[in-house]
Amino acid sequence: MGQLIDGKWHDQWYDTKKHGGEFVRESAKLRDWVTAKGEPGPNGQPGVPAEADRYHLYVSLACPWAHRTLILRKLKGLENLIGMSYVSPLMLDQGWTYNLEEGSSGDPVNGVSFHHQLYTLTDPQYTGRVTVPILWDKAQGRIVNNESAELIRMFNSAFDGLTGNRLDFYPEDLRKTIDAVNADVYDHINNGVYKAGFATEQSVYDKHVTALFEALERIERRLDESRYLAGEWLTEADIRLFTTLIRFDAVYHGHFKCNLKRIEDYPNLSNYLRELYQWPGVAETVNLEHIQRHYYYSHDTINPTRIVPKGPLLDFERPHDRERLPGKGIREK
């Protein structure tokens, strides 16, 4: 994992010593919004209009943050409007790459070899971490946005006039509940696995792995009474949790030492995970080979031998019991 400093690539791991052994995630910096007609974003961000074949999504199939956008792109019927490229699962001295021999799709839009080149095409003096996903504007030749939480909101609404897809993953009357769940899940689960896994002090690891499993227990109790995280409707909150859950037993349990329990050990979480995996279109976005190869091979500070494990054997196609709770599917606008 590297970063750009004044447009120059540096192969630098996170400096946890500066934060007492803590992993601190950098906030995304490129935050323009795609809106229906180019009007400003919800908080006044500069807007660009939704147009067919104008935007290209760059992702990693291994990355949980990028995975969110792949699911929304699929469920919102945007595949014919927004192209997609994915990096190699191996993130080494040049960061994410478009090396075809290592399992990337290549980059048919800009023809770059390294993901960091997309950032310097946007800003030759860019300083910051080089992350996925990014949404590229082919008309302006730049990254529009590199914040996954915002990209899924754009995909939820900006292109509806072009697709006619009225599915709503962020219904207005459920937003307070969704935002509260998102805040807990992001801090303690989505990012919590990283705060435990990248910790370089025992006390820091202990704190975050405890908080992680306390949060999983909260969600387990919630799912005992509620089909989905915001009630009877599937929303973005479920998708944001799903991308961590699907990686948990395969990667985070072993590689990140998040091993107090497996997701398989939670009756509600494991059944819920299988229901979401079996939702039409979702399984197509999951690539466990990329997921395991990326984490175990790329993080040599954690796994210096770079041996990728064969297991665990996971079967997400098994029946689930979530029909015992009322569920209405996805709300339409």
Protein backbone atom coordinates (compact mmCIF):
# COMPACT_ATOMS: atom_id res chain seq x y z
CA MET A 1 0.00 0.00 0.00
CA GLY A 2 1.64 3.22 -1.13
CA GLN A 3 0.82 6.84 -1.65
CA LEU A 4 1.53 9.80 -3.85
CA ILE A 5 3.41 12.80 -2.49
CA ASP A 6 3.39 15.81 -4.82
CA GLY A 7 2.61 13.47 -7.68
CA LYS A 8 5.47 11.06 -6.95
CA TRP A 9 4.78 7.45 -6.03
CA HIS A 10 6.11 6.17 -2.69
CA ASP A 11 5.81 2.53 -1.62
CA GLN A 12 4.96 3.21 2.03
CA TRP A 13 3.00 1.12 4.51
CA TYR A 14 0.85 2.85 7.10
CA ASP A 15 2.83 4.65 9.79
CA THR A 16 1.17 3.15 12.85
CA LYS A 17 4.02 4.23 15.13
CA LYS A 18 2.94 7.83 14.68
CA HIS A 19 -0.44 6.89 16.18
CA GLY A 20 0.68 4.63 19.01
CA GLY A 21 0.14 1.41 17.07
CA GLU A 22 -3.21 2.50 15.61
CA PHE A 23 -4.21 2.20 11.97
CA VAL A 24 -5.78 5.51 10.89
CA ARG A 25 -7.64 5.53 7.58
CA GLU A 26 -7.21 8.60 5.39
CA SER A 27 -10.41 10.28 4.23
CA ALA A 28 -11.15 10.34 0.52
CA LYS A 29 -10.20 13.61 -1.15
CA LEU A 30 -11.96 13.62 -4.53
CA ARG A 31 -15.60 14.29 -3.74
CA ASP A 32 -17.52 15.72 -6.72
CA TRP A 33 -20.97 14.22 -7.33
CA VAL A 34 -22.79 12.79 -10.32
CA THR A 35 -26.35 14.07 -10.24
CA ALA A 36 -29.22 13.79 -12.70
CA LYS A 37 -28.59 17.12 -14.43
CA GLY A 38 -25.27 18.20 -12.93
CA GLU A 39 -26.80 20.06 -10.01
CA PRO A 40 -24.72 20.24 -6.80
CA GLY A 41 -24.44 17.21 -4.54
CA PRO A 42 -26.42 16.85 -1.30
CA ASN A 43 -23.95 18.95 0.69
CA GLY A 44 -23.22 21.43 -2.09
CA GLN A 45 -20.43 19.42 -3.75
CA PRO A 46 -19.71 20.32 -7.39
CA GLY A 47 -21.98 18.29 -9.66
CA VAL A 48 -21.54 16.63 -13.05
CA PRO A 49 -24.48 15.29 -15.09
CA ALA A 50 -25.48 11.63 -15.36
CA GLU A 51 -24.91 10.52 -18.95
CA ALA A 52 -24.70 7.11 -20.57
CA ASP A 53 -21.15 5.87 -21.28
CA ARG A 54 -19.53 8.95 -19.74
CA TYR A 55 -18.23 7.31 -16.56
CA HIS A 56 -15.97 4.35 -15.87
CA LEU A 57 -15.68 2.55 -12.54
CA TYR A 58 -12.25 1.31 -11.46
CA VAL A 59 -12.32 -1.29 -8.68
CA SER A 60 -10.56 -4.15 -6.99
CA LEU A 61 -12.57 -7.35 -6.77
CA ALA A 62 -10.79 -7.97 -3.47
CA CYS A 63 -11.63 -4.65 -1.82
CA PRO A 64 -14.77 -4.47 0.37
CA TRP A 65 -15.17 -0.73 -0.24
CA ALA A 66 -15.08 -1.21 -4.03
CA HIS A 67 -17.38 -4.21 -3.72
CA ARG A 68 -20.18 -1.95 -2.49
CA THR A 69 -20.14 -0.08 -5.78
CA LEU A 70 -20.16 -3.28 -7.85
CA ILE A 71 -23.30 -4.46 -6.06
CA LEU A 72 -25.14 -1.15 -6.55
CA ARG A 73 -24.02 -1.00 -10.20
CA LYS A 74 -25.49 -4.47 -10.67
CA LEU A 75 -28.75 -4.04 -8.76
CA LYS A 76 -29.45 -0.61 -10.24
CA GLY A 77 -28.97 -1.83 -13.81
CA LEU A 78 -26.01 0.43 -14.57
CA GLU A 79 -23.71 -2.07 -16.26
CA ASN A 80 -24.54 -0.84 -19.77
CA LEU A 81 -24.14 2.81 -18.75
CA ILE A 82 -21.00 2.67 -16.59
CA GLY A 83 -18.01 0.60 -17.73
CA MET A 84 -15.81 -1.19 -15.22
CA SER A 85 -12.17 -2.25 -14.91
CA TYR A 86 -10.55 -4.16 -12.07
CA VAL A 87 -6.99 -4.27 -10.85
CA SER A 88 -4.79 -7.28 -10.19
CA PRO A 89 -5.34 -8.83 -6.75
CA LEU A 90 -1.60 -8.44 -6.08
CA MET A 91 -0.83 -5.03 -4.59
CA LEU A 92 2.96 -4.83 -4.45
CA ASP A 93 5.65 -2.13 -4.82
CA GLN A 94 3.61 -0.10 -7.34
CA GLY A 95 0.32 -0.53 -5.51
CA TRP A 96 -2.72 -1.60 -7.51
CA THR A 97 -1.82 -2.54 -11.10
CA TYR A 98 -3.56 -3.40 -14.37
CA ASN A 99 -1.25 -6.34 -15.07
CA LEU A 100 -3.25 -8.78 -17.19
CA GLU A 101 -0.96 -11.68 -16.32
CA GLU A 102 -1.78 -11.25 -12.62
CA GLY A 103 -5.55 -11.32 -13.09
CA SER A 104 -6.49 -7.74 -13.94
CA SER A 105 -9.01 -6.76 -16.61
CA GLY A 106 -6.56 -4.17 -17.95
CA ASP A 107 -7.49 -0.54 -18.50
CA PRO A 108 -9.24 0.00 -21.86
CA VAL A 109 -10.05 3.63 -21.11
CA ASN A 110 -6.71 5.23 -20.23
CA GLY A 111 -4.30 2.38 -20.85
CA VAL A 112 -2.43 2.90 -17.59
CA SER A 113 -0.28 0.22 -16.02
CA PHE A 114 -0.64 1.42 -12.43
CA HIS A 115 -3.69 2.69 -10.59
CA HIS A 116 -1.76 5.62 -9.14
CA GLN A 117 -1.39 6.99 -12.69
CA LEU A 118 -5.13 7.72 -12.75
CA TYR A 119 -4.62 10.01 -9.76
CA THR A 120 -1.79 11.92 -11.40
CA LEU A 121 -3.77 12.20 -14.64
CA THR A 122 -6.39 13.93 -12.49
CA ASP A 123 -3.86 16.05 -10.57
CA PRO A 124 -0.15 15.89 -11.48
CA GLN A 125 0.69 17.06 -7.93
CA TYR A 126 -1.71 14.76 -6.09
CA THR A 127 -0.81 13.88 -2.50
CA GLY A 128 -2.59 11.08 -0.67
CA ARG A 129 -3.32 7.39 -0.55
CA VAL A 130 -4.14 5.72 -3.85
CA THR A 131 -7.37 3.80 -3.30
CA VAL A 132 -10.20 1.99 -5.03
CA PRO A 133 -12.92 2.48 -6.06
CA ILE A 134 -12.79 5.53 -8.27
CA LEU A 135 -15.32 6.87 -10.75
CA TRP A 136 -13.63 8.27 -13.85
CA ASP A 137 -15.20 10.97 -16.04
CA LYS A 138 -14.20 10.22 -19.62
CA ALA A 139 -15.49 13.60 -20.83
CA GLN A 140 -13.28 15.61 -18.46
CA GLY A 141 -10.44 13.09 -18.14
CA ARG A 142 -10.41 12.99 -14.34
CA ILE A 143 -11.54 11.17 -11.21
CA VAL A 144 -14.92 12.46 -10.11
CA ASN A 145 -15.07 10.73 -6.74
CA ASN A 146 -13.09 8.14 -4.76
CA GLU A 147 -15.40 7.70 -1.75
CA SER A 148 -17.38 4.45 -1.94
CA ALA A 149 -20.11 5.58 0.46
CA GLU A 150 -20.87 8.50 -1.82
CA LEU A 151 -20.60 6.50 -5.04
CA ILE A 152 -23.30 4.08 -3.93
CA ARG A 153 -25.59 7.02 -3.15
CA MET A 154 -24.96 8.40 -6.65
CA PHE A 155 -25.67 5.03 -8.22
CA ASN A 156 -28.87 4.81 -6.17
CA SER A 157 -30.42 7.90 -7.75
CA ALA A 158 -28.46 9.85 -10.36
CA PHE A 159 -29.07 7.54 -13.33
CA ASP A 160 -32.72 6.63 -12.65
CA GLY A 161 -33.94 8.84 -15.49
CA LEU A 162 -31.77 6.91 -17.94
CA THR A 163 -32.44 3.39 -16.68
CA GLY A 164 -35.99 3.61 -15.37
CA ASN A 165 -34.76 1.59 -12.38
CA ARG A 166 -36.69 2.86 -9.36
CA LEU A 167 -35.20 0.61 -6.67
CA ASP A 168 -34.32 2.69 -3.63
CA PHE A 169 -31.57 1.57 -1.25
CA TYR A 170 -31.74 4.79 0.79
CA PRO A 171 -35.46 5.51 1.32
CA GLU A 172 -36.08 8.87 2.91
CA ASP A 173 -38.19 7.55 5.80
CA LEU A 174 -35.49 5.03 6.75
CA ARG A 175 -32.47 7.31 6.48
CA LYS A 176 -32.15 8.05 10.18
CA THR A 177 -32.06 4.30 10.94
CA ILE A 178 -29.72 3.56 8.03
CA ASP A 179 -27.30 6.33 9.03
CA ALA A 180 -27.18 5.14 12.64
CA VAL A 181 -26.52 1.53 11.62
CA ASN A 182 -23.93 2.62 9.07
CA ALA A 183 -22.04 4.62 11.69
CA ASP A 184 -21.78 1.64 14.04
CA VAL A 185 -20.98 -0.88 11.30
CA TYR A 186 -18.39 1.34 9.64
CA ASP A 187 -16.45 2.20 12.78
CA HIS A 188 -16.52 -1.17 14.51
CA ILE A 189 -16.93 -3.75 11.71
CA ASN A 190 -16.06 -2.44 8.21
CA ASN A 191 -13.08 -0.49 9.47
CA GLY A 192 -12.88 -2.42 12.73
CA VAL A 193 -11.33 -5.47 11.06
CA TYR A 194 -8.59 -3.23 9.69
CA LYS A 195 -8.03 -1.49 13.00
CA ALA A 196 -7.49 -4.90 14.59
CA GLY A 197 -5.56 -6.42 11.69
CA PHE A 198 -3.19 -3.50 11.09
CA ALA A 199 -2.57 -2.76 14.79
CA THR A 200 1.08 -2.91 15.81
CA GLU A 201 0.62 -2.79 19.59
CA GLN A 202 -1.03 -5.55 21.64
CA SER A 203 -3.23 -3.16 23.61
CA VAL A 204 -4.46 -1.51 20.40
CA TYR A 205 -5.31 -4.86 18.85
CA ASP A 206 -7.06 -5.99 22.05
CA LYS A 207 -9.20 -2.84 22.11
CA HIS A 208 -10.31 -3.05 18.50
CA VAL A 209 -10.87 -6.80 18.28
CA THR A 210 -13.06 -6.55 21.41
CA ALA A 211 -15.05 -3.66 19.90
CA LEU A 212 -15.42 -5.60 16.65
CA PHE A 213 -16.99 -8.63 18.30
CA GLU A 214 -19.17 -6.52 20.55
CA ALA A 215 -20.54 -4.90 17.39
CA LEU A 216 -21.10 -8.28 15.74
CA GLU A 217 -23.05 -9.38 18.81
CA ARG A 218 -25.20 -6.22 18.52
CA ILE A 219 -25.96 -7.01 14.89
CA GLU A 220 -26.65 -10.66 15.74
CA ARG A 221 -29.29 -9.54 18.27
CA ARG A 222 -30.75 -7.04 15.82
CA LEU A 223 -31.12 -9.72 13.15
CA ASP A 224 -33.00 -11.96 15.57
CA GLU A 225 -35.93 -9.54 15.38
CA SER A 226 -35.41 -7.82 12.02
CA ARG A 227 -35.03 -9.40 8.56
CA TYR A 228 -32.69 -6.61 7.43
CA LEU A 229 -30.74 -3.93 9.27
CA ALA A 230 -33.34 -1.21 8.73
CA GLY A 231 -36.37 -3.47 9.11
CA GLU A 232 -38.35 -5.21 6.38
CA TRP A 233 -36.54 -3.56 3.47
CA LEU A 234 -33.11 -4.33 2.05
CA THR A 235 -31.07 -1.10 2.04
CA GLU A 236 -27.56 0.19 1.53
CA ALA A 237 -26.86 -0.62 5.19
CA ASP A 238 -27.11 -4.32 4.38
CA ILE A 239 -24.83 -4.01 1.36
CA ARG A 240 -22.23 -2.12 3.37
CA LEU A 241 -22.19 -4.85 6.02
CA PHE A 242 -22.30 -7.70 3.50
CA THR A 243 -18.97 -6.86 1.89
CA THR A 244 -17.20 -7.30 5.23
CA LEU A 245 -19.14 -10.42 6.24
CA ILE A 246 -18.39 -12.23 2.96
CA ARG A 247 -14.64 -11.74 3.59
CA PHE A 248 -14.68 -12.46 7.29
CA ASP A 249 -14.20 -16.21 7.57
CA ALA A 250 -12.03 -16.39 4.44
CA VAL A 251 -9.63 -13.59 5.42
CA TYR A 252 -10.26 -11.48 8.49
CA HIS A 253 -10.63 -14.39 10.91
CA GLY A 254 -7.12 -15.69 10.17
CA HIS A 255 -5.14 -12.99 8.41
CA PHE A 256 -6.32 -10.11 10.62
CA LYS A 257 -6.51 -12.23 13.82
CA CYS A 258 -10.23 -11.49 14.20
CA ASN A 259 -10.68 -14.98 15.54
CA LEU A 260 -12.90 -14.90 18.63
CA LYS A 261 -15.63 -16.35 16.42
CA ARG A 262 -16.40 -17.00 12.77
CA ILE A 263 -19.46 -15.55 11.07
CA GLU A 264 -20.47 -19.19 10.65
CA ASP A 265 -20.72 -19.38 14.45
CA TYR A 266 -23.49 -16.75 14.58
CA PRO A 267 -26.89 -18.24 13.67
CA ASN A 268 -28.48 -14.99 12.50
CA LEU A 269 -25.44 -13.42 10.81
CA SER A 270 -24.55 -16.60 8.93
CA ASN A 271 -28.09 -17.11 7.61
CA TYR A 272 -28.38 -13.40 6.77
CA LEU A 273 -25.07 -13.55 4.90
CA ARG A 274 -26.31 -16.46 2.81
CA GLU A 275 -29.58 -14.69 2.01
CA LEU A 276 -27.75 -11.63 0.73
CA TYR A 277 -25.27 -13.74 -1.25
CA GLN A 278 -28.20 -15.54 -2.89
CA TRP A 279 -29.97 -12.29 -3.79
CA PRO A 280 -30.19 -12.19 -7.63
CA GLY A 281 -27.02 -10.61 -9.02
CA VAL A 282 -25.03 -10.38 -5.79
CA ALA A 283 -23.07 -13.64 -6.06
CA GLU A 284 -21.78 -12.50 -9.47
CA THR A 285 -19.93 -9.65 -7.73
CA VAL A 286 -18.07 -11.95 -5.29
CA ASN A 287 -14.61 -13.25 -6.24
CA LEU A 288 -13.11 -15.19 -3.33
CA GLU A 289 -9.97 -16.06 -5.30
CA HIS A 290 -9.12 -12.36 -5.73
CA ILE A 291 -10.04 -11.72 -2.11
CA GLN A 292 -7.72 -14.33 -0.62
CA ARG A 293 -4.86 -13.75 -3.06
CA HIS A 294 -4.92 -10.03 -2.39
CA TYR A 295 -4.89 -10.06 1.38
CA TYR A 296 -2.53 -12.95 2.02
CA TYR A 297 -0.08 -12.14 -0.77
CA SER A 298 -0.05 -8.32 -0.69
CA HIS A 299 0.27 -7.72 3.07
CA ASP A 300 3.79 -9.01 3.61
CA THR A 301 4.10 -7.02 6.83
CA ILE A 302 1.41 -9.35 8.23
CA ASN A 303 2.12 -12.49 6.18
CA PRO A 304 5.80 -12.35 5.17
CA THR A 305 5.77 -15.84 3.59
CA ARG A 306 2.96 -14.79 1.25
CA ILE A 307 1.46 -18.26 1.49
CA VAL A 308 -2.21 -18.15 0.48
CA PRO A 309 -4.31 -20.70 2.42
CA LYS A 310 -6.50 -23.27 0.68
CA GLY A 311 -9.38 -22.92 3.11
CA PRO A 312 -11.74 -22.46 4.65
CA LEU A 313 -14.35 -24.29 2.59
CA LEU A 314 -17.37 -21.98 2.44
CA ASP A 315 -20.80 -22.74 1.01
CA PHE A 316 -22.92 -19.63 0.65
CA GLU A 317 -25.48 -21.47 -1.47
CA ARG A 318 -26.79 -23.44 1.51
CA PRO A 319 -30.41 -22.73 2.48
CA HIS A 320 -31.05 -19.93 4.97
CA ASP A 321 -33.82 -19.37 7.49
CA ARG A 322 -34.48 -15.67 7.03
CA GLU A 323 -38.03 -16.28 5.73
CA ARG A 324 -39.03 -16.67 9.38
CA LEU A 325 -38.99 -12.87 9.62
CA PRO A 326 -41.14 -10.51 7.51
CA GLY A 327 -39.31 -9.01 4.54
CA LYS A 328 -40.53 -6.91 1.63
CA GLY A 329 -37.44 -6.83 -0.59
CA ILE A 330 -36.24 -3.50 -1.99
CA ARG A 331 -38.31 -0.33 -1.78
CA GLU A 332 -39.22 1.44 -5.01
CA LYS A 333 -39.31 5.21 -5.31
